[in-house]
Full PDB file with SEQRES, HELIX, SHEET, SSBOND, CRYST1, ORIGX, SCALE, CONECT and MASTER records, all heavy atoms in Angstrom:
SEQRES   1 A   33  SER THR SER GLY PHE SER PHE GLU THR MET GLY TRP TYR          
SEQRES   2 A   33  ARG GLN PRO PRO GLY LYS GLN ARG GLU MET VAL ALA LEU          
SEQRES   3 A   33  ALA LYS ARG TYR GLY SER ARG                                  
SHEET    1 AA1 2 THR A   9  ARG A  14  0                                        
SHEET    2 AA1 2 GLU A  22  LYS A  28 -1                                        
CRYST1    1.000    1.000    1.000  90.00  90.00  90.00 P 1           1          
ORIGX1      1.000000  0.000000  0.000000        0.00000                         
ORIGX2      0.000000  1.000000  0.000000        0.00000                         
ORIGX3      0.000000  0.000000  1.000000        0.00000                         
SCALE1      1.000000  0.000000  0.000000        0.00000                         
SCALE2      0.000000  1.000000  0.000000        0.00000                         
SCALE3      0.000000  0.000000  1.000000        0.00000                         
ATOM      1  N   SER A   1       0.860  -1.180   0.000  1.00  0.00           N  
ATOM      2  CA  SER A   1       0.000   0.000   0.000  1.00  0.00           C  
ATOM      3  C   SER A   1       0.894   1.228   0.000  1.00  0.00           C  
ATOM      4  O   SER A   1       1.683   1.422   0.928  1.00  0.00           O  
ATOM      5  CB  SER A   1      -0.911   0.009   1.219  1.00  0.00           C  
ATOM      6  OG  SER A   1      -1.771  -1.124   1.217  1.00  0.00           O  
ATOM      7  N   THR A   2       0.773   2.055  -1.035  1.00  0.00           N  
ATOM      8  CA  THR A   2       1.638   3.217  -1.189  1.00  0.00           C  
ATOM      9  C   THR A   2       0.808   4.484  -1.342  1.00  0.00           C  
ATOM     10  O   THR A   2      -0.415   4.449  -1.427  1.00  0.00           O  
ATOM     11  CB  THR A   2       2.564   3.074  -2.400  1.00  0.00           C  
ATOM     12  OG1 THR A   2       1.789   3.228  -3.598  1.00  0.00           O  
ATOM     13  CG2 THR A   2       3.236   1.713  -2.414  1.00  0.00           C  
ATOM     14  N   SER A   3       1.512   5.607  -1.425  1.00  0.00           N  
ATOM     15  CA  SER A   3       0.870   6.899  -1.635  1.00  0.00           C  
ATOM     16  C   SER A   3       0.837   7.287  -3.111  1.00  0.00           C  
ATOM     17  O   SER A   3       0.853   8.464  -3.439  1.00  0.00           O  
ATOM     18  CB  SER A   3       1.579   7.979  -0.817  1.00  0.00           C  
ATOM     19  OG  SER A   3       2.961   8.028  -1.120  1.00  0.00           O  
ATOM     20  N   GLY A   4       0.814   6.287  -4.004  1.00  0.00           N  
ATOM     21  CA  GLY A   4       0.656   6.542  -5.421  1.00  0.00           C  
ATOM     22  C   GLY A   4       1.891   6.346  -6.273  1.00  0.00           C  
ATOM     23  O   GLY A   4       1.851   6.648  -7.466  1.00  0.00           O  
ATOM     24  N   PHE A   5       2.969   5.832  -5.716  1.00  0.00           N  
ATOM     25  CA  PHE A   5       4.185   5.597  -6.480  1.00  0.00           C  
ATOM     26  C   PHE A   5       4.454   4.098  -6.599  1.00  0.00           C  
ATOM     27  O   PHE A   5       3.882   3.296  -5.861  1.00  0.00           O  
ATOM     28  CB  PHE A   5       5.393   6.290  -5.832  1.00  0.00           C  
ATOM     29  CG  PHE A   5       5.660   5.857  -4.426  1.00  0.00           C  
ATOM     30  CD1 PHE A   5       6.438   4.750  -4.159  1.00  0.00           C  
ATOM     31  CD2 PHE A   5       5.140   6.573  -3.357  1.00  0.00           C  
ATOM     32  CE1 PHE A   5       6.690   4.348  -2.865  1.00  0.00           C  
ATOM     33  CE2 PHE A   5       5.376   6.182  -2.060  1.00  0.00           C  
ATOM     34  CZ  PHE A   5       6.153   5.062  -1.813  1.00  0.00           C  
ATOM     35  N   SER A   6       5.300   3.724  -7.522  1.00  0.00           N  
ATOM     36  CA  SER A   6       5.738   2.346  -7.669  1.00  0.00           C  
ATOM     37  C   SER A   6       7.205   2.238  -7.290  1.00  0.00           C  
ATOM     38  O   SER A   6       7.960   3.205  -7.367  1.00  0.00           O  
ATOM     39  CB  SER A   6       5.519   1.851  -9.102  1.00  0.00           C  
ATOM     40  OG  SER A   6       6.270   2.616 -10.028  1.00  0.00           O  
ATOM     41  N   PHE A   7       7.615   1.038  -6.881  1.00  0.00           N  
ATOM     42  CA  PHE A   7       8.971   0.816  -6.398  1.00  0.00           C  
ATOM     43  C   PHE A   7       9.920   0.473  -7.528  1.00  0.00           C  
ATOM     44  O   PHE A   7       9.523  -0.084  -8.555  1.00  0.00           O  
ATOM     45  CB  PHE A   7       8.985  -0.302  -5.366  1.00  0.00           C  
ATOM     46  CG  PHE A   7       8.154  -0.020  -4.157  1.00  0.00           C  
ATOM     47  CD1 PHE A   7       6.880  -0.548  -4.038  1.00  0.00           C  
ATOM     48  CD2 PHE A   7       8.643   0.772  -3.140  1.00  0.00           C  
ATOM     49  CE1 PHE A   7       6.104  -0.288  -2.923  1.00  0.00           C  
ATOM     50  CE2 PHE A   7       7.880   1.041  -2.012  1.00  0.00           C  
ATOM     51  CZ  PHE A   7       6.610   0.509  -1.910  1.00  0.00           C  
ATOM     52  N   GLU A   8      11.190   0.796  -7.336  1.00  0.00           N  
ATOM     53  CA  GLU A   8      12.203   0.395  -8.292  1.00  0.00           C  
ATOM     54  C   GLU A   8      12.460  -1.109  -8.213  1.00  0.00           C  
ATOM     55  O   GLU A   8      12.577  -1.785  -9.221  1.00  0.00           O  
ATOM     56  CB  GLU A   8      13.501   1.160  -8.058  1.00  0.00           C  
ATOM     57  CG  GLU A   8      14.663   0.702  -8.932  1.00  0.00           C  
ATOM     58  CD  GLU A   8      14.401   0.897 -10.412  1.00  0.00           C  
ATOM     59  OE1 GLU A   8      13.621   1.809 -10.775  1.00  0.00           O  
ATOM     60  OE2 GLU A   8      14.981   0.135 -11.211  1.00  0.00           O  
ATOM     61  N   THR A   9      12.530  -1.618  -7.002  1.00  0.00           N  
ATOM     62  CA  THR A   9      12.810  -3.028  -6.777  1.00  0.00           C  
ATOM     63  C   THR A   9      11.813  -3.618  -5.792  1.00  0.00           C  
ATOM     64  O   THR A   9      11.482  -2.998  -4.782  1.00  0.00           O  
ATOM     65  CB  THR A   9      14.235  -3.226  -6.226  1.00  0.00           C  
ATOM     66  OG1 THR A   9      15.182  -2.601  -7.089  1.00  0.00           O  
ATOM     67  CG2 THR A   9      14.559  -4.704  -6.091  1.00  0.00           C  
ATOM     68  N   MET A  10      11.332  -4.811  -6.090  1.00  0.00           N  
ATOM     69  CA  MET A  10      10.512  -5.575  -5.163  1.00  0.00           C  
ATOM     70  C   MET A  10      10.980  -7.021  -5.192  1.00  0.00           C  
ATOM     71  O   MET A  10      11.534  -7.483  -6.192  1.00  0.00           O  
ATOM     72  CB  MET A  10       9.027  -5.511  -5.511  1.00  0.00           C  
ATOM     73  CG  MET A  10       8.419  -4.126  -5.424  1.00  0.00           C  
ATOM     74  SD  MET A  10       6.611  -4.137  -5.609  1.00  0.00           S  
ATOM     75  CE  MET A  10       6.118  -4.836  -4.018  1.00  0.00           C  
ATOM     76  N   GLY A  11      10.755  -7.731  -4.101  1.00  0.00           N  
ATOM     77  CA  GLY A  11      11.147  -9.131  -4.080  1.00  0.00           C  
ATOM     78  C   GLY A  11      11.052  -9.745  -2.708  1.00  0.00           C  
ATOM     79  O   GLY A  11      10.223  -9.338  -1.884  1.00  0.00           O  
ATOM     80  N   TRP A  12      11.934 -10.734  -2.479  1.00  0.00           N  
ATOM     81  CA  TRP A  12      11.853 -11.541  -1.273  1.00  0.00           C  
ATOM     82  C   TRP A  12      13.219 -11.804  -0.674  1.00  0.00           C  
ATOM     83  O   TRP A  12      14.196 -12.056  -1.399  1.00  0.00           O  
ATOM     84  CB  TRP A  12      11.190 -12.893  -1.586  1.00  0.00           C  
ATOM     85  CG  TRP A  12       9.794 -12.763  -2.078  1.00  0.00           C  
ATOM     86  CD1 TRP A  12       9.386 -12.648  -3.364  1.00  0.00           C  
ATOM     87  CD2 TRP A  12       8.618 -12.721  -1.265  1.00  0.00           C  
ATOM     88  NE1 TRP A  12       8.013 -12.540  -3.421  1.00  0.00           N  
ATOM     89  CE2 TRP A  12       7.520 -12.585  -2.147  1.00  0.00           C  
ATOM     90  CE3 TRP A  12       8.381 -12.796   0.103  1.00  0.00           C  
ATOM     91  CZ2 TRP A  12       6.202 -12.507  -1.692  1.00  0.00           C  
ATOM     92  CZ3 TRP A  12       7.072 -12.715   0.556  1.00  0.00           C  
ATOM     93  CH2 TRP A  12       6.006 -12.578  -0.335  1.00  0.00           C  
ATOM     94  N   TYR A  13      13.286 -11.738   0.640  1.00  0.00           N  
ATOM     95  CA  TYR A  13      14.418 -12.183   1.426  1.00  0.00           C  
ATOM     96  C   TYR A  13      13.935 -13.260   2.390  1.00  0.00           C  
ATOM     97  O   TYR A  13      12.736 -13.440   2.583  1.00  0.00           O  
ATOM     98  CB  TYR A  13      15.039 -11.033   2.218  1.00  0.00           C  
ATOM     99  CG  TYR A  13      15.886 -10.079   1.404  1.00  0.00           C  
ATOM    100  CD1 TYR A  13      15.307  -9.179   0.529  1.00  0.00           C  
ATOM    101  CD2 TYR A  13      17.273 -10.074   1.537  1.00  0.00           C  
ATOM    102  CE1 TYR A  13      16.081  -8.292  -0.207  1.00  0.00           C  
ATOM    103  CE2 TYR A  13      18.054  -9.196   0.808  1.00  0.00           C  
ATOM    104  CZ  TYR A  13      17.453  -8.309  -0.063  1.00  0.00           C  
ATOM    105  OH  TYR A  13      18.238  -7.433  -0.781  1.00  0.00           O  
ATOM    106  N   ARG A  14      14.877 -13.975   3.001  1.00  0.00           N  
ATOM    107  CA  ARG A  14      14.516 -14.943   4.023  1.00  0.00           C  
ATOM    108  C   ARG A  14      15.597 -14.988   5.091  1.00  0.00           C  
ATOM    109  O   ARG A  14      16.751 -14.654   4.844  1.00  0.00           O  
ATOM    110  CB  ARG A  14      14.300 -16.335   3.432  1.00  0.00           C  
ATOM    111  CG  ARG A  14      15.551 -17.010   2.902  1.00  0.00           C  
ATOM    112  CD  ARG A  14      15.198 -18.326   2.222  1.00  0.00           C  
ATOM    113  NE  ARG A  14      16.380 -19.021   1.736  1.00  0.00           N  
ATOM    114  CZ  ARG A  14      16.342 -20.128   1.012  1.00  0.00           C  
ATOM    115  NH1 ARG A  14      15.169 -20.677   0.693  1.00  0.00           N  
ATOM    116  NH2 ARG A  14      17.473 -20.707   0.611  1.00  0.00           N  
ATOM    117  N   GLN A  15      15.201 -15.408   6.289  1.00  0.00           N  
ATOM    118  CA  GLN A  15      16.122 -15.522   7.406  1.00  0.00           C  
ATOM    119  C   GLN A  15      15.950 -16.894   8.050  1.00  0.00           C  
ATOM    120  O   GLN A  15      14.983 -17.115   8.785  1.00  0.00           O  
ATOM    121  CB  GLN A  15      15.892 -14.416   8.432  1.00  0.00           C  
ATOM    122  CG  GLN A  15      16.907 -14.401   9.551  1.00  0.00           C  
ATOM    123  CD  GLN A  15      16.818 -13.147  10.401  1.00  0.00           C  
ATOM    124  OE1 GLN A  15      15.881 -12.356  10.275  1.00  0.00           O  
ATOM    125  NE2 GLN A  15      17.795 -12.956  11.254  1.00  0.00           N  
ATOM    126  N   PRO A  16      16.878 -17.820   7.786  1.00  0.00           N  
ATOM    127  CA  PRO A  16      16.818 -19.136   8.434  1.00  0.00           C  
ATOM    128  C   PRO A  16      17.080 -19.006   9.929  1.00  0.00           C  
ATOM    129  O   PRO A  16      17.663 -18.013  10.391  1.00  0.00           O  
ATOM    130  CB  PRO A  16      17.930 -19.922   7.736  1.00  0.00           C  
ATOM    131  CG  PRO A  16      18.204 -19.174   6.469  1.00  0.00           C  
ATOM    132  CD  PRO A  16      17.951 -17.740   6.804  1.00  0.00           C  
ATOM    133  N   PRO A  17      16.688 -20.003  10.711  1.00  0.00           N  
ATOM    134  CA  PRO A  17      16.922 -19.954  12.158  1.00  0.00           C  
ATOM    135  C   PRO A  17      18.401 -19.791  12.481  1.00  0.00           C  
ATOM    136  O   PRO A  17      19.241 -20.528  11.965  1.00  0.00           O  
ATOM    137  CB  PRO A  17      16.395 -21.300  12.653  1.00  0.00           C  
ATOM    138  CG  PRO A  17      15.408 -21.729  11.614  1.00  0.00           C  
ATOM    139  CD  PRO A  17      15.951 -21.216  10.313  1.00  0.00           C  
ATOM    140  N   GLY A  18      18.717 -18.808  13.309  1.00  0.00           N  
ATOM    141  CA  GLY A  18      20.083 -18.591  13.737  1.00  0.00           C  
ATOM    142  C   GLY A  18      21.004 -17.986  12.703  1.00  0.00           C  
ATOM    143  O   GLY A  18      22.212 -17.902  12.955  1.00  0.00           O  
ATOM    144  N   LYS A  19      20.482 -17.564  11.561  1.00  0.00           N  
ATOM    145  CA  LYS A  19      21.309 -17.003  10.506  1.00  0.00           C  
ATOM    146  C   LYS A  19      20.809 -15.618  10.107  1.00  0.00           C  
ATOM    147  O   LYS A  19      19.708 -15.209  10.462  1.00  0.00           O  
ATOM    148  CB  LYS A  19      21.327 -17.927   9.290  1.00  0.00           C  
ATOM    149  CG  LYS A  19      21.904 -19.306   9.563  1.00  0.00           C  
ATOM    150  CD  LYS A  19      21.984 -20.135   8.308  1.00  0.00           C  
ATOM    151  CE  LYS A  19      22.594 -21.501   8.592  1.00  0.00           C  
ATOM    152  NZ  LYS A  19      23.990 -21.374   9.102  1.00  0.00           N  
ATOM    153  N   GLN A  20      21.633 -14.903   9.341  1.00  0.00           N  
ATOM    154  CA  GLN A  20      21.257 -13.572   8.901  1.00  0.00           C  
ATOM    155  C   GLN A  20      20.373 -13.633   7.665  1.00  0.00           C  
ATOM    156  O   GLN A  20      20.310 -14.644   6.968  1.00  0.00           O  
ATOM    157  CB  GLN A  20      22.499 -12.722   8.635  1.00  0.00           C  
ATOM    158  CG  GLN A  20      23.385 -13.226   7.518  1.00  0.00           C  
ATOM    159  CD  GLN A  20      24.641 -12.394   7.364  1.00  0.00           C  
ATOM    160  OE1 GLN A  20      24.991 -11.619   8.255  1.00  0.00           O  
ATOM    161  NE2 GLN A  20      25.325 -12.538   6.248  1.00  0.00           N  
ATOM    162  N   ARG A  21      19.717 -12.542   7.395  1.00  0.00           N  
ATOM    163  CA  ARG A  21      18.810 -12.441   6.268  1.00  0.00           C  
ATOM    164  C   ARG A  21      19.563 -12.538   4.947  1.00  0.00           C  
ATOM    165  O   ARG A  21      20.653 -11.978   4.800  1.00  0.00           O  
ATOM    166  CB  ARG A  21      18.056 -11.117   6.356  1.00  0.00           C  
ATOM    167  CG  ARG A  21      16.929 -10.937   5.369  1.00  0.00           C  
ATOM    168  CD  ARG A  21      16.077  -9.732   5.772  1.00  0.00           C  
ATOM    169  NE  ARG A  21      16.906  -8.556   6.012  1.00  0.00           N  
ATOM    170  CZ  ARG A  21      16.492  -7.459   6.622  1.00  0.00           C  
ATOM    171  NH1 ARG A  21      15.240  -7.387   7.079  1.00  0.00           N  
ATOM    172  NH2 ARG A  21      17.308  -6.433   6.788  1.00  0.00           N  
ATOM    173  N   GLU A  22      18.973 -13.238   3.970  1.00  0.00           N  
ATOM    174  CA  GLU A  22      19.597 -13.426   2.679  1.00  0.00           C  
ATOM    175  C   GLU A  22      18.595 -13.168   1.561  1.00  0.00           C  
ATOM    176  O   GLU A  22      17.391 -13.374   1.720  1.00  0.00           O  
ATOM    177  CB  GLU A  22      20.165 -14.837   2.546  1.00  0.00           C  
ATOM    178  CG  GLU A  22      19.107 -15.928   2.621  1.00  0.00           C  
ATOM    179  CD  GLU A  22      19.711 -17.319   2.653  1.00  0.00           C  
ATOM    180  OE1 GLU A  22      20.891 -17.446   3.013  1.00  0.00           O  
ATOM    181  OE2 GLU A  22      18.980 -18.283   2.318  1.00  0.00           O  
ATOM    182  N   MET A  23      19.100 -12.719   0.420  1.00  0.00           N  
ATOM    183  CA  MET A  23      18.253 -12.452  -0.730  1.00  0.00           C  
ATOM    184  C   MET A  23      17.777 -13.754  -1.354  1.00  0.00           C  
ATOM    185  O   MET A  23      18.551 -14.701  -1.485  1.00  0.00           O  
ATOM    186  CB  MET A  23      19.025 -11.627  -1.762  1.00  0.00           C  
ATOM    187  CG  MET A  23      18.178 -11.147  -2.940  1.00  0.00           C  
ATOM    188  SD  MET A  23      18.095 -12.365  -4.300  1.00  0.00           S  
ATOM    189  CE  MET A  23      19.789 -12.313  -4.884  1.00  0.00           C  
ATOM    190  N   VAL A  24      16.515 -13.789  -1.739  1.00  0.00           N  
ATOM    191  CA  VAL A  24      15.934 -14.942  -2.415  1.00  0.00           C  
ATOM    192  C   VAL A  24      15.677 -14.629  -3.885  1.00  0.00           C  
ATOM    193  O   VAL A  24      16.134 -15.354  -4.769  1.00  0.00           O  
ATOM    194  CB  VAL A  24      14.628 -15.391  -1.748  1.00  0.00           C  
ATOM    195  CG1 VAL A  24      13.999 -16.546  -2.520  1.00  0.00           C  
ATOM    196  CG2 VAL A  24      14.889 -15.779  -0.295  1.00  0.00           C  
ATOM    197  N   ALA A  25      14.932 -13.566  -4.152  1.00  0.00           N  
ATOM    198  CA  ALA A  25      14.581 -13.193  -5.513  1.00  0.00           C  
ATOM    199  C   ALA A  25      14.211 -11.723  -5.551  1.00  0.00           C  
ATOM    200  O   ALA A  25      13.543 -11.224  -4.650  1.00  0.00           O  
ATOM    201  CB  ALA A  25      13.418 -14.039  -6.037  1.00  0.00           C  
ATOM    202  N   LEU A  26      14.641 -11.017  -6.610  1.00  0.00           N  
ATOM    203  CA  LEU A  26      14.352  -9.599  -6.765  1.00  0.00           C  
ATOM    204  C   LEU A  26      13.888  -9.312  -8.186  1.00  0.00           C  
ATOM    205  O   LEU A  26      14.321  -9.974  -9.136  1.00  0.00           O  
ATOM    206  CB  LEU A  26      15.579  -8.746  -6.455  1.00  0.00           C  
ATOM    207  CG  LEU A  26      16.105  -8.782  -5.024  1.00  0.00           C  
ATOM    208  CD1 LEU A  26      17.390  -7.981  -4.919  1.00  0.00           C  
ATOM    209  CD2 LEU A  26      15.063  -8.241  -4.052  1.00  0.00           C  
ATOM    210  N   ALA A  27      13.030  -8.313  -8.324  1.00  0.00           N  
ATOM    211  CA  ALA A  27      12.518  -7.890  -9.621  1.00  0.00           C  
ATOM    212  C   ALA A  27      12.634  -6.382  -9.744  1.00  0.00           C  
ATOM    213  O   ALA A  27      12.134  -5.641  -8.890  1.00  0.00           O  
ATOM    214  CB  ALA A  27      11.070  -8.326  -9.811  1.00  0.00           C  
ATOM    215  N   LYS A  28      13.287  -5.916 -10.805  1.00  0.00           N  
ATOM    216  CA  LYS A  28      13.317  -4.502 -11.116  1.00  0.00           C  
ATOM    217  C   LYS A  28      12.003  -4.074 -11.752  1.00  0.00           C  
ATOM    218  O   LYS A  28      11.226  -4.908 -12.233  1.00  0.00           O  
ATOM    219  CB  LYS A  28      14.475  -4.182 -12.058  1.00  0.00           C  
ATOM    220  CG  LYS A  28      15.849  -4.515 -11.498  1.00  0.00           C  
ATOM    221  CD  LYS A  28      16.182  -3.661 -10.313  1.00  0.00           C  
ATOM    222  CE  LYS A  28      17.592  -3.942  -9.821  1.00  0.00           C  
ATOM    223  NZ  LYS A  28      17.937  -3.120  -8.644  1.00  0.00           N  
ATOM    224  N   ARG A  29      11.760  -2.784 -11.773  1.00  0.00           N  
ATOM    225  CA  ARG A  29      10.478  -2.261 -12.225  1.00  0.00           C  
ATOM    226  C   ARG A  29      10.160  -2.672 -13.653  1.00  0.00           C  
ATOM    227  O   ARG A  29       9.010  -2.989 -13.974  1.00  0.00           O  
ATOM    228  CB  ARG A  29      10.473  -0.737 -12.106  1.00  0.00           C  
ATOM    229  CG  ARG A  29       9.174  -0.079 -12.535  1.00  0.00           C  
ATOM    230  CD  ARG A  29       9.295   1.425 -12.437  1.00  0.00           C  
ATOM    231  NE  ARG A  29       9.464   1.867 -11.061  1.00  0.00           N  
ATOM    232  CZ  ARG A  29       9.917   3.063 -10.702  1.00  0.00           C  
ATOM    233  NH1 ARG A  29      10.268   3.941 -11.626  1.00  0.00           N  
ATOM    234  NH2 ARG A  29      10.024   3.380  -9.427  1.00  0.00           N  
ATOM    235  N   TYR A  30      11.171  -2.705 -14.517  1.00  0.00           N  
ATOM    236  CA  TYR A  30      10.936  -2.936 -15.932  1.00  0.00           C  
ATOM    237  C   TYR A  30      11.425  -4.286 -16.417  1.00  0.00           C  
ATOM    238  O   TYR A  30      11.839  -4.433 -17.567  1.00  0.00           O  
ATOM    239  CB  TYR A  30      11.544  -1.803 -16.750  1.00  0.00           C  
ATOM    240  CG  TYR A  30      10.924  -0.477 -16.422  1.00  0.00           C  
ATOM    241  CD1 TYR A  30      11.643   0.512 -15.769  1.00  0.00           C  
ATOM    242  CD2 TYR A  30       9.594  -0.220 -16.757  1.00  0.00           C  
ATOM    243  CE1 TYR A  30      11.060   1.725 -15.456  1.00  0.00           C  
ATOM    244  CE2 TYR A  30       9.004   0.992 -16.442  1.00  0.00           C  
ATOM    245  CZ  TYR A  30       9.740   1.961 -15.791  1.00  0.00           C  
ATOM    246  OH  TYR A  30       9.156   3.169 -15.478  1.00  0.00           O  
ATOM    247  N   GLY A  31      11.401  -5.298 -15.541  1.00  0.00           N  
ATOM    248  CA  GLY A  31      11.498  -6.665 -16.005  1.00  0.00           C  
ATOM    249  C   GLY A  31      12.667  -7.514 -15.557  1.00  0.00           C  
ATOM    250  O   GLY A  31      12.569  -8.735 -15.650  1.00  0.00           O  
ATOM    251  N   SER A  32      13.752  -6.922 -15.090  1.00  0.00           N  
ATOM    252  CA  SER A  32      14.899  -7.720 -14.694  1.00  0.00           C  
ATOM    253  C   SER A  32      14.569  -8.571 -13.477  1.00  0.00           C  
ATOM    254  O   SER A  32      13.891  -8.122 -12.554  1.00  0.00           O  
ATOM    255  CB  SER A  32      16.101  -6.831 -14.394  1.00  0.00           C  
ATOM    256  OG  SER A  32      16.522  -6.140 -15.557  1.00  0.00           O  
ATOM    257  N   ARG A  33      15.083  -9.793 -13.478  1.00  0.00           N  
ATOM    258  CA  ARG A  33      14.870 -10.734 -12.386  1.00  0.00           C  
ATOM    259  C   ARG A  33      16.192 -11.365 -11.992  1.00  0.00           C  
ATOM    260  O   ARG A  33      17.004 -11.706 -12.846  1.00  0.00           O  
ATOM    261  CB  ARG A  33      13.901 -11.853 -12.791  1.00  0.00           C  
ATOM    262  CG  ARG A  33      12.538 -11.394 -13.250  1.00  0.00           C  
ATOM    263  CD  ARG A  33      11.664 -11.000 -12.082  1.00  0.00           C  
ATOM    264  NE  ARG A  33      10.271 -10.860 -12.490  1.00  0.00           N  
ATOM    265  CZ  ARG A  33       9.742  -9.766 -13.035  1.00  0.00           C  
ATOM    266  NH1 ARG A  33      10.510  -8.698 -13.248  1.00  0.00           N  
ATOM    267  NH2 ARG A  33       8.466  -9.738 -13.363  1.00  0.00           N  
TER     268      ARG A  33                                                      
MASTER        0    0    0    0    2    0    0    6  267    1    0    3          
END                                                                             
């Protein structure tokens, strides 16, 4: 939910038990994955 703008990057991170957060998947606004 935003105030009318779109994000440059959206995606997912995860944090396994006892470990730091890591990148899972990211998508740029215009198609890069």
